[in-house]
Amino acid sequence: MTSRKNRSAYRYVALLRAINVGGHVVQMDRLRTEFGALGFEDARTFIASGNVLFAARSDDAVALEHRIERHLEQALGYPVATFLRSPAQLATLVANEPYPDRLDSASLYVGFLKSTPPDERRERALALRSELDEVCVRDREIFWLCRTRSTDSTLSGARLEKALAAPATFRNVTTVRKLALLAATDVRVA
């Protein structure tokens, strides 16, 4: 275990695409090991969908994303798109969630993107809205409000990615809230 005073100065949450979906099964201890092999400190995972909290010496999130992607592709044998957010960025996202008055039966998903989509792509994603589904694009995130079960919707993360012409990884807002809390409080998880 790394002592608090020796920790790297920059904390991140990595949201990984293609972990434990589509036949790509990866144990969380393997992910922690791979992040450790990259020299990152205090690598911790949260649920088995590719969420890794870690510390690094670099404040260049884009360079870190590329480095993680190259390493994981070599280690796992397939591309793993990586989306980094700082604890502050996750806290802001959670504090400013769209659809605060949604019904309890509705599900809200957050899609993480590499960059803010151009207006044309943003408009294509917004055009997918329907009576059952609402879409909101803010900066490097896309929010999908599903007023029914996501399996009953014609919308999906894959359709939103296609409209944006960019890779994304989606998480339920409950998971995002928990990640934001863990990142802010620096709680150890397994």
Protein backbone atom coordinates (compact mmCIF):
# COMPACT_ATOMS: atom_id res chain seq x y z
CA MET A 1 0.00 0.00 0.00
CA THR A 2 1.25 3.45 -0.87
CA SER A 3 1.41 5.93 1.98
CA ARG A 4 -0.63 9.07 1.56
CA LYS A 5 2.41 11.37 1.65
CA ASN A 6 4.09 9.46 -1.21
CA ARG A 7 1.08 9.51 -3.51
CA SER A 8 1.21 11.15 -6.90
CA ALA A 9 -0.28 14.60 -7.09
CA TYR A 10 -2.95 13.92 -9.73
CA ARG A 11 -5.99 11.71 -9.16
CA TYR A 12 -8.10 10.28 -12.00
CA VAL A 13 -11.01 8.02 -12.73
CA ALA A 14 -10.56 5.92 -15.86
CA LEU A 15 -13.76 4.81 -17.56
CA LEU A 16 -12.84 1.96 -19.85
CA ARG A 17 -14.85 0.80 -22.85
CA ALA A 18 -15.27 -2.89 -23.74
CA ILE A 19 -14.57 -4.34 -20.31
CA ASN A 20 -16.75 -7.33 -19.43
CA VAL A 21 -19.04 -6.88 -22.43
CA GLY A 22 -19.06 -8.53 -25.83
CA GLY A 23 -17.00 -11.51 -24.70
CA HIS A 24 -14.14 -9.40 -23.31
CA VAL A 25 -13.94 -10.75 -19.76
CA VAL A 26 -11.35 -9.06 -17.55
CA GLN A 27 -10.96 -9.63 -13.82
CA MET A 28 -10.66 -6.45 -11.77
CA ASP A 29 -7.44 -7.64 -10.12
CA ARG A 30 -5.97 -7.88 -13.63
CA LEU A 31 -6.95 -4.26 -14.34
CA ARG A 32 -5.35 -3.13 -11.09
CA THR A 33 -2.20 -5.05 -12.00
CA GLU A 34 -2.06 -3.47 -15.47
CA PHE A 35 -2.48 0.04 -14.04
CA GLY A 36 0.29 -0.74 -11.55
CA ALA A 37 2.51 -1.92 -14.41
CA LEU A 38 2.07 1.53 -15.94
CA GLY A 39 3.55 3.03 -12.78
CA PHE A 40 0.28 4.42 -11.47
CA GLU A 41 -0.27 4.42 -7.74
CA ASP A 42 -3.21 3.27 -5.66
CA ALA A 43 -5.09 1.67 -8.59
CA ARG A 44 -8.54 0.65 -7.39
CA THR A 45 -11.57 -0.65 -9.26
CA PHE A 46 -15.26 -0.10 -8.74
CA ILE A 47 -17.69 -2.73 -10.01
CA ALA A 48 -16.72 -4.95 -12.92
CA SER A 49 -17.47 -2.57 -15.79
CA GLY A 50 -14.05 -0.97 -16.21
CA ASN A 51 -13.90 1.85 -13.66
CA VAL A 52 -10.42 2.44 -12.24
CA LEU A 53 -9.44 5.12 -9.72
CA PHE A 54 -5.70 5.85 -9.67
CA ALA A 55 -2.99 8.42 -9.05
CA ALA A 56 -0.41 9.58 -11.57
CA ARG A 57 2.48 12.02 -11.68
CA SER A 58 1.24 13.63 -14.89
CA ASP A 59 -1.48 16.25 -15.33
CA ASP A 60 -1.73 15.51 -19.08
CA ALA A 61 -4.95 13.47 -19.20
CA VAL A 62 -4.87 13.07 -22.99
CA ALA A 63 -1.36 11.61 -22.94
CA LEU A 64 -2.36 9.32 -20.07
CA GLU A 65 -5.42 8.10 -22.01
CA HIS A 66 -3.23 7.21 -25.00
CA ARG A 67 -0.68 5.49 -22.78
CA ILE A 68 -3.36 3.41 -21.02
CA GLU A 69 -4.99 2.49 -24.33
CA ARG A 70 -1.70 1.31 -25.86
CA HIS A 71 -0.82 -0.72 -22.78
CA LEU A 72 -4.24 -2.34 -22.40
CA GLU A 73 -4.45 -3.25 -26.08
CA GLN A 74 -1.09 -4.98 -25.82
CA ALA A 75 -1.95 -6.66 -22.50
CA LEU A 76 -5.54 -7.68 -23.28
CA GLY A 77 -5.30 -8.19 -27.03
CA TYR A 78 -8.02 -5.77 -28.09
CA PRO A 79 -8.56 -1.98 -28.15
CA VAL A 80 -9.85 -0.44 -24.91
CA ALA A 81 -10.97 3.16 -25.37
CA THR A 82 -10.12 5.08 -22.21
CA PHE A 83 -11.84 8.19 -20.90
CA LEU A 84 -10.23 10.00 -17.94
CA ARG A 85 -11.98 12.41 -15.63
CA SER A 86 -10.64 14.15 -12.55
CA PRO A 87 -12.52 14.01 -9.24
CA ALA A 88 -13.50 17.67 -9.76
CA GLN A 89 -14.87 16.96 -13.24
CA LEU A 90 -16.99 14.08 -11.94
CA ALA A 91 -18.25 16.21 -9.04
CA THR A 92 -19.29 18.96 -11.47
CA LEU A 93 -21.00 16.46 -13.75
CA VAL A 94 -23.01 14.99 -10.85
CA ALA A 95 -23.90 18.42 -9.44
CA ASN A 96 -25.25 19.51 -12.83
CA GLU A 97 -27.09 16.39 -13.99
CA PRO A 98 -29.85 17.13 -16.49
CA TYR A 99 -33.41 15.93 -15.83
CA PRO A 100 -33.47 16.46 -12.05
CA ASP A 101 -37.25 15.94 -11.99
CA ARG A 102 -37.25 12.59 -13.79
CA LEU A 103 -39.48 9.81 -12.54
CA ASP A 104 -37.95 7.04 -10.44
CA SER A 105 -38.87 4.57 -13.18
CA ALA A 106 -36.65 6.39 -15.71
CA SER A 107 -32.98 5.53 -16.13
CA LEU A 108 -30.27 8.09 -16.77
CA TYR A 109 -27.06 7.03 -18.48
CA VAL A 110 -23.92 9.10 -18.93
CA GLY A 111 -21.78 8.56 -22.02
CA PHE A 112 -18.17 9.69 -21.72
CA LEU A 113 -16.48 11.09 -24.85
CA LYS A 114 -12.91 12.06 -25.73
CA SER A 115 -13.85 15.57 -26.81
CA THR A 116 -16.82 17.85 -27.30
CA PRO A 117 -18.59 16.75 -30.47
CA PRO A 118 -18.91 19.22 -33.34
CA ASP A 119 -22.35 20.81 -33.75
CA GLU A 120 -23.30 18.56 -36.69
CA ARG A 121 -22.66 15.37 -34.71
CA ARG A 122 -24.30 16.80 -31.62
CA GLU A 123 -27.43 17.55 -33.68
CA ARG A 124 -27.44 13.98 -35.07
CA ALA A 125 -27.44 12.63 -31.52
CA LEU A 126 -30.18 15.04 -30.43
CA ALA A 127 -32.28 13.94 -33.42
CA LEU A 128 -32.56 10.49 -31.80
CA ARG A 129 -34.85 11.87 -29.08
CA SER A 130 -38.28 10.31 -28.89
CA GLU A 131 -41.29 10.05 -26.62
CA LEU A 132 -39.38 7.43 -24.60
CA ASP A 133 -35.85 8.78 -24.82
CA GLU A 134 -34.29 12.15 -24.15
CA VAL A 135 -30.74 13.13 -25.10
CA CYS A 136 -28.56 15.97 -23.84
CA VAL A 137 -24.97 16.69 -24.89
CA ARG A 138 -22.77 18.74 -22.58
CA ASP A 139 -19.10 19.21 -23.28
CA ARG A 140 -17.52 15.71 -23.26
CA GLU A 141 -20.58 13.86 -21.98
CA ILE A 142 -23.84 12.71 -23.50
CA PHE A 143 -26.80 12.03 -21.23
CA TRP A 144 -29.49 9.54 -22.22
CA LEU A 145 -32.73 9.55 -20.24
CA CYS A 146 -34.69 6.37 -20.90
CA ARG A 147 -38.28 6.50 -19.69
CA THR A 148 -38.67 2.73 -20.10
CA ARG A 149 -36.36 -0.22 -19.70
CA SER A 150 -33.32 0.34 -21.90
CA THR A 151 -33.94 -3.07 -23.51
CA ASP A 152 -37.37 -1.81 -24.63
CA SER A 153 -35.96 1.36 -26.16
CA THR A 154 -34.92 1.72 -29.78
CA LEU A 155 -32.06 3.93 -28.58
CA SER A 156 -28.79 2.48 -27.32
CA GLY A 157 -25.26 3.51 -26.53
CA ALA A 158 -24.20 2.07 -29.89
CA ARG A 159 -26.71 4.25 -31.78
CA LEU A 160 -25.55 7.33 -29.88
CA GLU A 161 -21.91 6.50 -30.67
CA LYS A 162 -22.80 6.11 -34.34
CA ALA A 163 -24.60 9.47 -34.38
CA LEU A 164 -21.61 11.13 -32.71
CA ALA A 165 -19.14 9.25 -34.94
CA ALA A 166 -16.96 8.86 -31.87
CA PRO A 167 -16.28 6.19 -29.26
CA ALA A 168 -18.03 6.50 -25.92
CA THR A 169 -18.53 4.42 -22.82
CA PHE A 170 -21.80 4.57 -20.90
CA ARG A 171 -22.52 4.25 -17.19
CA ASN A 172 -25.73 4.45 -15.21
CA VAL A 173 -25.84 7.74 -13.32
CA THR A 174 -25.93 5.82 -10.01
CA THR A 175 -22.50 4.38 -10.85
CA VAL A 176 -21.22 7.83 -11.85
CA ARG A 177 -22.43 9.31 -8.56
CA LYS A 178 -20.68 6.58 -6.58
CA LEU A 179 -17.48 7.06 -8.56
CA ALA A 180 -17.63 10.81 -7.93
CA LEU A 181 -18.06 10.20 -4.21
CA LEU A 182 -15.23 7.67 -4.08
CA ALA A 183 -12.93 9.97 -6.04
CA ALA A 184 -13.78 12.93 -3.80
CA THR A 185 -13.38 11.07 -0.53
CA ASP A 186 -10.45 8.85 -1.61
CA VAL A 187 -12.14 5.77 -0.19
CA ARG A 188 -10.42 2.45 -0.88
CA VAL A 189 -12.48 -0.04 -2.90
CA ALA A 190 -11.68 -3.49 -4.25
